Each structure stands twice: as structure tokens, then as C-alpha cells.
Amino acid sequence: MLRCEHCKVDLPGEQNRCPLCQNKPVGTPDGSGDRFPRLPNPQRTVSRVLIAWLAFGSVCAAAVCVMINLIVPAGGWWSVFVIAGIASLWVDVSLIVKKRKNLPKNILWQVIIVTLIAFFWDFLTGLSGWSLNFVFPILCSCAMLAMTIVAKARRLDTQDYILYLVIDCVLGIVCFFLILTDAVQVVIPSAVSFGGSIVFLAFLLFFEGKALWTEIQRRFHL
């Protein structure tokens, strides 16, 4: 029989992946057959066709910009910034599409990816510090509010979002150290993010501590 060493469960039938963690099982199939019917390959949906056309349009726009830049070279290689901007946009869009089924997780990933993209552009444009002064702390604060609104609007179980909210609070607390090390010149956004993170984290620990510990045990198989 097949067995998932990660989840410590036996898998009847011919399973290519563990349905819980998606890792490859070990062992040999027991010959009992699949317990669930195989789903046919989905047809191309309207959203996929739209994304394909948007991707095609992005490539065309980048090609036109490079062509114009080659014909009129005055002003330097500005087309490189256009291509980098399009690439940054698609990195973020691909993450949104990939994580669309788990909104709290998607929101957390947006904080991380958009911050990295902002820091990258801040570095390219002279590292004036706007990525840490404004983008990072504002994203952390907005993510806390967004996760709370999504959880209430979609009536999610506490364990469906609490770990992502805690991680976002920890990122918000990082703003405190940015202030201490003078890494930011504008203190207000970081101070608001830090204060909000402490309030949210305290509420989760005092009122949802059991749910948080249960989720940590489930995630890390403790």
C-alpha cells in the first residue's frame, strides 16, 4: 500500500500525490483501485483566455518600446524600465491567480512580494527609501484590516486565517526595529503599523490563543 511519510497516513488505490500535502507517496499500490473518479481536464475558461491575451499584449508592448528605443536612442535605455515594470506586474498577477482560492494567504503573499518589488524599484531609482518609509508599513497595516474584513465577510473559521494574520503582525513589528535603526526617515507609517500589529497580536493571543496553538500543531505536525 502507498504511504505518505510526511502525513503518516496510508493511501489506498493508485495515488500519485498525497491528497493532504501533495507530496509523492512511497510504496506500491494495493490494487484496490481509485476510491474517487478521475476528473476530466478542464476546458480553457474565459479567465485563462483573457490572461493569455493580456500576456500577449504585454509582450507586444515591450517589443514596441524596445523598437522605439532603438530607433530614437535619446534618453538612454528607458525601455529596460518598461520591461522591468511589466515583469513586476506579471509576478504579482501570477501570485494573485495562483493563490486566489485562499484569500488570507494571498494577502500575506502580496505584502511580501509587493514590498520586494517596491524595494527593487527603489534601488533602481536611487534608493531614496520610499519602499521602507511608506510601502512596507502601509501594506502591513492594510493587510491586517483586509484579512479581518475577508474573514468576517466570508465567515471563515479562525484557523483558516489566524496564522497568516499572526505572520503579518510579526512583519508589522519589524517596523519598530526599522525606526530604532534609523532605516526609515518618515516615522508615522511605521509607528502606526507597529502599534496596530501589537493590538492585533495581543487580541489573537488573549482571545484566540487556543485556535492559534491548534493551527501551529496542525501545520508543523507537533
C-alpha atoms as a PDB file:
ATOM      1  CA  MET A   1       0.000   0.000   0.000  1.00  0.00           C
ATOM      2  CA  LEU A   2       1.115   3.522  -0.690  1.00  0.00           C
ATOM      3  CA  ARG A   3       2.029   5.647   2.317  1.00  0.00           C
ATOM      4  CA  CYS A   4       2.729   9.340   2.802  1.00  0.00           C
ATOM      5  CA  GLU A   5       5.748   9.643   5.085  1.00  0.00           C
ATOM      6  CA  HIS A   6       5.021  13.326   5.664  1.00  0.00           C
ATOM      7  CA  CYS A   7       1.435  12.909   6.891  1.00  0.00           C
ATOM      8  CA  LYS A   8       1.925   9.349   8.253  1.00  0.00           C
ATOM      9  CA  VAL A   9      -1.190   8.030   6.507  1.00  0.00           C
ATOM     10  CA  ASP A  10      -1.866   5.065   4.189  1.00  0.00           C
ATOM     11  CA  LEU A  11      -3.261   5.806   0.735  1.00  0.00           C
ATOM     12  CA  PRO A  12      -5.498   3.182  -0.900  1.00  0.00           C
ATOM     13  CA  GLY A  13      -5.615   2.881  -4.676  1.00  0.00           C
ATOM     14  CA  GLU A  14      -3.166   4.496  -7.088  1.00  0.00           C
ATOM     15  CA  GLN A  15      -2.458   7.951  -5.750  1.00  0.00           C
ATOM     16  CA  ASN A  16       0.272   9.975  -7.463  1.00  0.00           C
ATOM     17  CA  ARG A  17       0.153  12.606  -4.753  1.00  0.00           C
ATOM     18  CA  CYS A  18      -0.942  12.702  -1.139  1.00  0.00           C
ATOM     19  CA  PRO A  19      -4.326  14.497  -1.042  1.00  0.00           C
ATOM     20  CA  LEU A  20      -3.296  16.274   2.185  1.00  0.00           C
ATOM     21  CA  CYS A  21       0.201  17.630   1.487  1.00  0.00           C
ATOM     22  CA  GLN A  22       0.680  16.872  -2.243  1.00  0.00           C
ATOM     23  CA  ASN A  23       3.967  15.046  -1.590  1.00  0.00           C
ATOM     24  CA  LYS A  24       4.783  11.857  -3.504  1.00  0.00           C
ATOM     25  CA  PRO A  25       3.885   8.697  -1.554  1.00  0.00           C
ATOM     26  CA  VAL A  26       6.187   5.708  -1.129  1.00  0.00           C
ATOM     27  CA  GLY A  27       5.398   2.010  -1.522  1.00  0.00           C
ATOM     28  CA  THR A  28       3.370   0.157  -4.126  1.00  0.00           C
ATOM     29  CA  PRO A  29      -0.351   0.448  -4.984  1.00  0.00           C
ATOM     30  CA  ASP A  30      -2.542  -2.171  -3.304  1.00  0.00           C
ATOM     31  CA  GLY A  31      -4.583  -2.803  -6.454  1.00  0.00           C
ATOM     32  CA  SER A  32      -7.858  -1.795  -4.853  1.00  0.00           C
ATOM     33  CA  GLY A  33      -8.493   0.841  -7.480  1.00  0.00           C
ATOM     34  CA  ASP A  34      -9.147   4.517  -7.090  1.00  0.00           C
ATOM     35  CA  ARG A  35     -11.724   5.458  -4.488  1.00  0.00           C
ATOM     36  CA  PHE A  36     -12.664   8.642  -6.329  1.00  0.00           C
ATOM     37  CA  PRO A  37     -13.412   9.166 -10.052  1.00  0.00           C
ATOM     38  CA  ARG A  38     -10.814  10.934 -12.148  1.00  0.00           C
ATOM     39  CA  LEU A  39     -11.913  14.373 -13.238  1.00  0.00           C
ATOM     40  CA  PRO A  40     -11.527  15.282 -16.910  1.00  0.00           C
ATOM     41  CA  ASN A  41      -9.100  18.025 -17.871  1.00  0.00           C
ATOM     42  CA  PRO A  42     -10.894  21.370 -17.559  1.00  0.00           C
ATOM     43  CA  GLN A  43     -11.551  23.368 -20.689  1.00  0.00           C
ATOM     44  CA  ARG A  44      -9.940  26.735 -21.215  1.00  0.00           C
ATOM     45  CA  THR A  45     -12.059  29.220 -19.307  1.00  0.00           C
ATOM     46  CA  VAL A  46     -12.739  32.825 -20.188  1.00  0.00           C
ATOM     47  CA  SER A  47     -10.326  33.997 -17.480  1.00  0.00           C
ATOM     48  CA  ARG A  48      -7.488  31.917 -18.936  1.00  0.00           C
ATOM     49  CA  VAL A  49      -8.133  33.258 -22.404  1.00  0.00           C
ATOM     50  CA  LEU A  50      -8.175  36.805 -21.008  1.00  0.00           C
ATOM     51  CA  ILE A  51      -4.871  36.245 -19.203  1.00  0.00           C
ATOM     52  CA  ALA A  52      -3.355  34.820 -22.391  1.00  0.00           C
ATOM     53  CA  TRP A  53      -4.394  37.922 -24.349  1.00  0.00           C
ATOM     54  CA  LEU A  54      -3.075  40.234 -21.626  1.00  0.00           C
ATOM     55  CA  ALA A  55       0.239  38.381 -21.635  1.00  0.00           C
ATOM     56  CA  PHE A  56       0.417  38.646 -25.414  1.00  0.00           C
ATOM     57  CA  GLY A  57      -0.345  42.360 -25.195  1.00  0.00           C
ATOM     58  CA  SER A  58       2.396  42.823 -22.609  1.00  0.00           C
ATOM     59  CA  VAL A  59       4.961  41.159 -24.861  1.00  0.00           C
ATOM     60  CA  CYS A  60       3.846  43.321 -27.806  1.00  0.00           C
ATOM     61  CA  ALA A  61       4.081  46.494 -25.690  1.00  0.00           C
ATOM     62  CA  ALA A  62       7.586  45.565 -24.524  1.00  0.00           C
ATOM     63  CA  ALA A  63       8.677  44.824 -28.095  1.00  0.00           C
ATOM     64  CA  VAL A  64       7.298  48.156 -29.367  1.00  0.00           C
ATOM     65  CA  CYS A  65       9.083  50.054 -26.593  1.00  0.00           C
ATOM     66  CA  VAL A  66      12.399  48.393 -27.389  1.00  0.00           C
ATOM     67  CA  MET A  67      11.899  49.101 -31.091  1.00  0.00           C
ATOM     68  CA  ILE A  68      11.178  52.784 -30.434  1.00  0.00           C
ATOM     69  CA  ASN A  69      14.137  52.981 -28.049  1.00  0.00           C
ATOM     70  CA  LEU A  70      16.437  51.586 -30.732  1.00  0.00           C
ATOM     71  CA  ILE A  71      15.132  53.992 -33.360  1.00  0.00           C
ATOM     72  CA  VAL A  72      15.257  57.012 -31.034  1.00  0.00           C
ATOM     73  CA  PRO A  73      18.103  56.282 -28.585  1.00  0.00           C
ATOM     74  CA  ALA A  74      17.966  59.711 -26.945  1.00  0.00           C
ATOM     75  CA  GLY A  75      17.185  59.492 -23.242  1.00  0.00           C
ATOM     76  CA  GLY A  76      19.018  56.237 -22.529  1.00  0.00           C
ATOM     77  CA  TRP A  77      17.635  52.732 -22.261  1.00  0.00           C
ATOM     78  CA  TRP A  78      14.246  53.684 -20.852  1.00  0.00           C
ATOM     79  CA  SER A  79      12.719  50.571 -22.430  1.00  0.00           C
ATOM     80  CA  VAL A  80      14.519  48.453 -19.821  1.00  0.00           C
ATOM     81  CA  PHE A  81      12.449  50.128 -17.099  1.00  0.00           C
ATOM     82  CA  VAL A  82       9.274  49.448 -19.086  1.00  0.00           C
ATOM     83  CA  ILE A  83      10.147  45.762 -19.387  1.00  0.00           C
ATOM     84  CA  ALA A  84      11.034  45.577 -15.694  1.00  0.00           C
ATOM     85  CA  GLY A  85       7.706  47.220 -14.830  1.00  0.00           C
ATOM     86  CA  ILE A  86       5.757  44.749 -16.954  1.00  0.00           C
ATOM     87  CA  ALA A  87       7.672  41.845 -15.419  1.00  0.00           C
ATOM     88  CA  SER A  88       6.965  43.141 -11.896  1.00  0.00           C
ATOM     89  CA  LEU A  89       3.271  43.420 -12.710  1.00  0.00           C
ATOM     90  CA  TRP A  90       3.090  39.851 -14.000  1.00  0.00           C
ATOM     91  CA  VAL A  91       4.940  38.439 -10.998  1.00  0.00           C
ATOM     92  CA  ASP A  92       2.268  39.944  -8.797  1.00  0.00           C
ATOM     93  CA  VAL A  93      -0.609  38.901 -11.089  1.00  0.00           C
ATOM     94  CA  SER A  94       0.638  35.309 -11.285  1.00  0.00           C
ATOM     95  CA  LEU A  95       0.721  35.144  -7.491  1.00  0.00           C
ATOM     96  CA  ILE A  96      -2.827  36.503  -7.254  1.00  0.00           C
ATOM     97  CA  VAL A  97      -4.075  33.880  -9.708  1.00  0.00           C
ATOM     98  CA  LYS A  98      -2.175  31.031  -8.050  1.00  0.00           C
ATOM     99  CA  LYS A  99      -3.346  31.839  -4.504  1.00  0.00           C
ATOM    100  CA  ARG A 100      -6.858  33.058  -5.417  1.00  0.00           C
ATOM    101  CA  LYS A 101      -8.596  30.249  -3.507  1.00  0.00           C
ATOM    102  CA  ASN A 102      -7.003  31.223  -0.185  1.00  0.00           C
ATOM    103  CA  LEU A 103      -7.533  34.960   0.260  1.00  0.00           C
ATOM    104  CA  PRO A 104      -5.768  35.401   3.645  1.00  0.00           C
ATOM    105  CA  LYS A 105      -2.697  33.598   2.303  1.00  0.00           C
ATOM    106  CA  ASN A 106      -2.899  35.659  -0.891  1.00  0.00           C
ATOM    107  CA  ILE A 107      -2.984  38.894   1.112  1.00  0.00           C
ATOM    108  CA  LEU A 108       0.099  37.875   3.092  1.00  0.00           C
ATOM    109  CA  TRP A 109       1.980  36.976  -0.071  1.00  0.00           C
ATOM    110  CA  GLN A 110       1.016  40.333  -1.572  1.00  0.00           C
ATOM    111  CA  VAL A 111       2.669  42.094   1.377  1.00  0.00           C
ATOM    112  CA  ILE A 112       5.898  40.166   0.814  1.00  0.00           C
ATOM    113  CA  ILE A 113       6.036  40.287  -2.990  1.00  0.00           C
ATOM    114  CA  VAL A 114       4.916  43.900  -3.415  1.00  0.00           C
ATOM    115  CA  THR A 115       7.431  45.006  -0.758  1.00  0.00           C
ATOM    116  CA  LEU A 116      10.252  43.202  -2.573  1.00  0.00           C
ATOM    117  CA  ILE A 117       9.186  44.696  -5.911  1.00  0.00           C
ATOM    118  CA  ALA A 118       8.978  48.167  -4.362  1.00  0.00           C
ATOM    119  CA  PHE A 119      12.437  47.803  -2.824  1.00  0.00           C
ATOM    120  CA  PHE A 120      13.771  46.650  -6.192  1.00  0.00           C
ATOM    121  CA  TRP A 121      12.378  49.754  -7.888  1.00  0.00           C
ATOM    122  CA  ASP A 122      13.571  51.935  -5.040  1.00  0.00           C
ATOM    123  CA  PHE A 123      17.054  50.548  -5.592  1.00  0.00           C
ATOM    124  CA  LEU A 124      16.898  51.136  -9.354  1.00  0.00           C
ATOM    125  CA  THR A 125      15.792  54.738  -8.896  1.00  0.00           C
ATOM    126  CA  GLY A 126      18.467  55.731  -6.400  1.00  0.00           C
ATOM    127  CA  LEU A 127      17.320  54.124  -3.127  1.00  0.00           C
ATOM    128  CA  SER A 128      15.548  57.173  -1.701  1.00  0.00           C
ATOM    129  CA  GLY A 129      13.832  54.976   0.897  1.00  0.00           C
ATOM    130  CA  TRP A 130      10.167  55.267  -0.134  1.00  0.00           C
ATOM    131  CA  SER A 131       9.802  51.467  -0.163  1.00  0.00           C
ATOM    132  CA  LEU A 132      10.555  51.211   3.581  1.00  0.00           C
ATOM    133  CA  ASN A 133       9.172  54.592   4.580  1.00  0.00           C
ATOM    134  CA  PHE A 134       5.743  54.062   3.063  1.00  0.00           C
ATOM    135  CA  VAL A 135       5.137  50.859   1.072  1.00  0.00           C
ATOM    136  CA  PHE A 136       6.127  48.213   3.632  1.00  0.00           C
ATOM    137  CA  PRO A 137       4.405  49.646   6.739  1.00  0.00           C
ATOM    138  CA  ILE A 138       1.261  50.656   4.826  1.00  0.00           C
ATOM    139  CA  LEU A 139       0.991  47.190   3.285  1.00  0.00           C
ATOM    140  CA  CYS A 140       1.318  45.535   6.699  1.00  0.00           C
ATOM    141  CA  SER A 141      -1.394  47.753   8.175  1.00  0.00           C
ATOM    142  CA  CYS A 142      -3.758  47.304   5.237  1.00  0.00           C
ATOM    143  CA  ALA A 143      -3.200  43.532   5.234  1.00  0.00           C
ATOM    144  CA  MET A 144      -4.310  43.243   8.864  1.00  0.00           C
ATOM    145  CA  LEU A 145      -7.523  45.092   8.109  1.00  0.00           C
ATOM    146  CA  ALA A 146      -8.068  43.214   4.831  1.00  0.00           C
ATOM    147  CA  MET A 147      -7.697  39.784   6.466  1.00  0.00           C
ATOM    148  CA  THR A 148     -10.147  40.760   9.198  1.00  0.00           C
ATOM    149  CA  ILE A 149     -12.718  42.024   6.681  1.00  0.00           C
ATOM    150  CA  VAL A 150     -12.326  38.959   4.455  1.00  0.00           C
ATOM    151  CA  ALA A 151     -12.654  36.615   7.436  1.00  0.00           C
ATOM    152  CA  LYS A 152     -15.863  38.296   8.571  1.00  0.00           C
ATOM    153  CA  ALA A 153     -17.345  38.701   5.088  1.00  0.00           C
ATOM    154  CA  ARG A 154     -16.695  35.094   4.074  1.00  0.00           C
ATOM    155  CA  ARG A 155     -17.342  33.708   7.573  1.00  0.00           C
ATOM    156  CA  LEU A 156     -14.036  31.870   7.681  1.00  0.00           C
ATOM    157  CA  ASP A 157     -13.092  29.642  10.569  1.00  0.00           C
ATOM    158  CA  THR A 158     -10.484  31.165  12.838  1.00  0.00           C
ATOM    159  CA  GLN A 159      -7.929  28.508  11.900  1.00  0.00           C
ATOM    160  CA  ASP A 160      -8.308  29.423   8.216  1.00  0.00           C
ATOM    161  CA  TYR A 161      -6.664  32.815   8.643  1.00  0.00           C
ATOM    162  CA  ILE A 162      -5.169  33.193  12.128  1.00  0.00           C
ATOM    163  CA  LEU A 163      -1.650  32.007  11.257  1.00  0.00           C
ATOM    164  CA  TYR A 164      -1.408  34.365   8.260  1.00  0.00           C
ATOM    165  CA  LEU A 165      -2.632  37.243  10.400  1.00  0.00           C
ATOM    166  CA  VAL A 166      -0.018  36.478  13.072  1.00  0.00           C
ATOM    167  CA  ILE A 167       2.752  36.421  10.453  1.00  0.00           C
ATOM    168  CA  ASP A 168       1.581  39.789   9.138  1.00  0.00           C
ATOM    169  CA  CYS A 169       1.626  41.159  12.706  1.00  0.00           C
ATOM    170  CA  VAL A 170       5.214  39.955  13.088  1.00  0.00           C
ATOM    171  CA  LEU A 171       6.118  41.784   9.877  1.00  0.00           C
ATOM    172  CA  GLY A 172       4.463  44.887  11.282  1.00  0.00           C
ATOM    173  CA  ILE A 173       6.581  44.622  14.435  1.00  0.00           C
ATOM    174  CA  VAL A 174       9.667  44.712  12.188  1.00  0.00           C
ATOM    175  CA  CYS A 175       8.759  48.360  11.566  1.00  0.00           C
ATOM    176  CA  PHE A 176       9.696  49.096  15.182  1.00  0.00           C
ATOM    177  CA  PHE A 177      13.251  47.926  14.531  1.00  0.00           C
ATOM    178  CA  LEU A 178      13.364  49.956  11.317  1.00  0.00           C
ATOM    179  CA  ILE A 179      12.634  53.030  13.429  1.00  0.00           C
ATOM    180  CA  LEU A 180      15.246  52.111  16.059  1.00  0.00           C
ATOM    181  CA  THR A 181      17.965  51.595  13.435  1.00  0.00           C
ATOM    182  CA  ASP A 182      17.068  54.818  11.569  1.00  0.00           C
ATOM    183  CA  ALA A 183      16.314  52.776   8.459  1.00  0.00           C
ATOM    184  CA  VAL A 184      13.245  54.959   7.869  1.00  0.00           C
ATOM    185  CA  GLN A 185      13.078  58.738   7.755  1.00  0.00           C
ATOM    186  CA  VAL A 186       9.266  59.025   7.925  1.00  0.00           C
ATOM    187  CA  VAL A 187       8.236  57.546  11.279  1.00  0.00           C
ATOM    188  CA  ILE A 188       4.428  57.804  11.200  1.00  0.00           C
ATOM    189  CA  PRO A 189       3.590  54.879   8.830  1.00  0.00           C
ATOM    190  CA  SER A 190       5.967  52.516  10.631  1.00  0.00           C
ATOM    191  CA  ALA A 191       4.738  53.612  14.070  1.00  0.00           C
ATOM    192  CA  VAL A 192       1.096  53.050  13.064  1.00  0.00           C
ATOM    193  CA  SER A 193       1.956  49.620  11.634  1.00  0.00           C
ATOM    194  CA  PHE A 194       3.838  48.644  14.795  1.00  0.00           C
ATOM    195  CA  GLY A 195       1.050  49.809  17.094  1.00  0.00           C
ATOM    196  CA  GLY A 196      -1.626  48.064  15.056  1.00  0.00           C
ATOM    197  CA  SER A 197       0.414  44.853  14.999  1.00  0.00           C
ATOM    198  CA  ILE A 198       0.747  44.831  18.789  1.00  0.00           C
ATOM    199  CA  VAL A 199      -3.013  45.379  19.217  1.00  0.00           C
ATOM    200  CA  PHE A 200      -3.957  42.642  16.729  1.00  0.00           C
ATOM    201  CA  LEU A 201      -1.394  40.202  18.111  1.00  0.00           C
ATOM    202  CA  ALA A 202      -2.497  40.792  21.699  1.00  0.00           C
ATOM    203  CA  PHE A 203      -6.140  40.195  20.749  1.00  0.00           C
ATOM    204  CA  LEU A 204      -5.262  36.936  18.971  1.00  0.00           C
ATOM    205  CA  LEU A 205      -3.159  35.658  21.868  1.00  0.00           C
ATOM    206  CA  PHE A 206      -5.674  36.561  24.581  1.00  0.00           C
ATOM    207  CA  PHE A 207      -8.898  35.574  22.827  1.00  0.00           C
ATOM    208  CA  GLU A 208      -7.849  33.095  20.104  1.00  0.00           C
ATOM    209  CA  GLY A 209      -4.761  31.540  21.676  1.00  0.00           C
ATOM    210  CA  LYS A 210      -6.184  28.018  21.666  1.00  0.00           C
ATOM    211  CA  ALA A 211      -7.096  28.213  17.977  1.00  0.00           C
ATOM    212  CA  LEU A 212      -3.633  29.581  17.181  1.00  0.00           C
ATOM    213  CA  TRP A 213      -1.878  26.759  19.035  1.00  0.00           C
ATOM    214  CA  THR A 214      -4.101  24.176  17.344  1.00  0.00           C
ATOM    215  CA  GLU A 215      -3.240  25.603  13.926  1.00  0.00           C
ATOM    216  CA  ILE A 216       0.500  25.610  14.729  1.00  0.00           C
ATOM    217  CA  GLN A 217       0.271  21.967  15.798  1.00  0.00           C
ATOM    218  CA  ARG A 218      -1.555  21.062  12.599  1.00  0.00           C
ATOM    219  CA  ARG A 219       0.835  22.951  10.335  1.00  0.00           C
ATOM    220  CA  PHE A 220       4.021  21.601  11.897  1.00  0.00           C
ATOM    221  CA  HIS A 221       2.672  18.146  12.854  1.00  0.00           C
ATOM    222  CA  LEU A 222       3.538  18.657  16.518  1.00  0.00           C
END
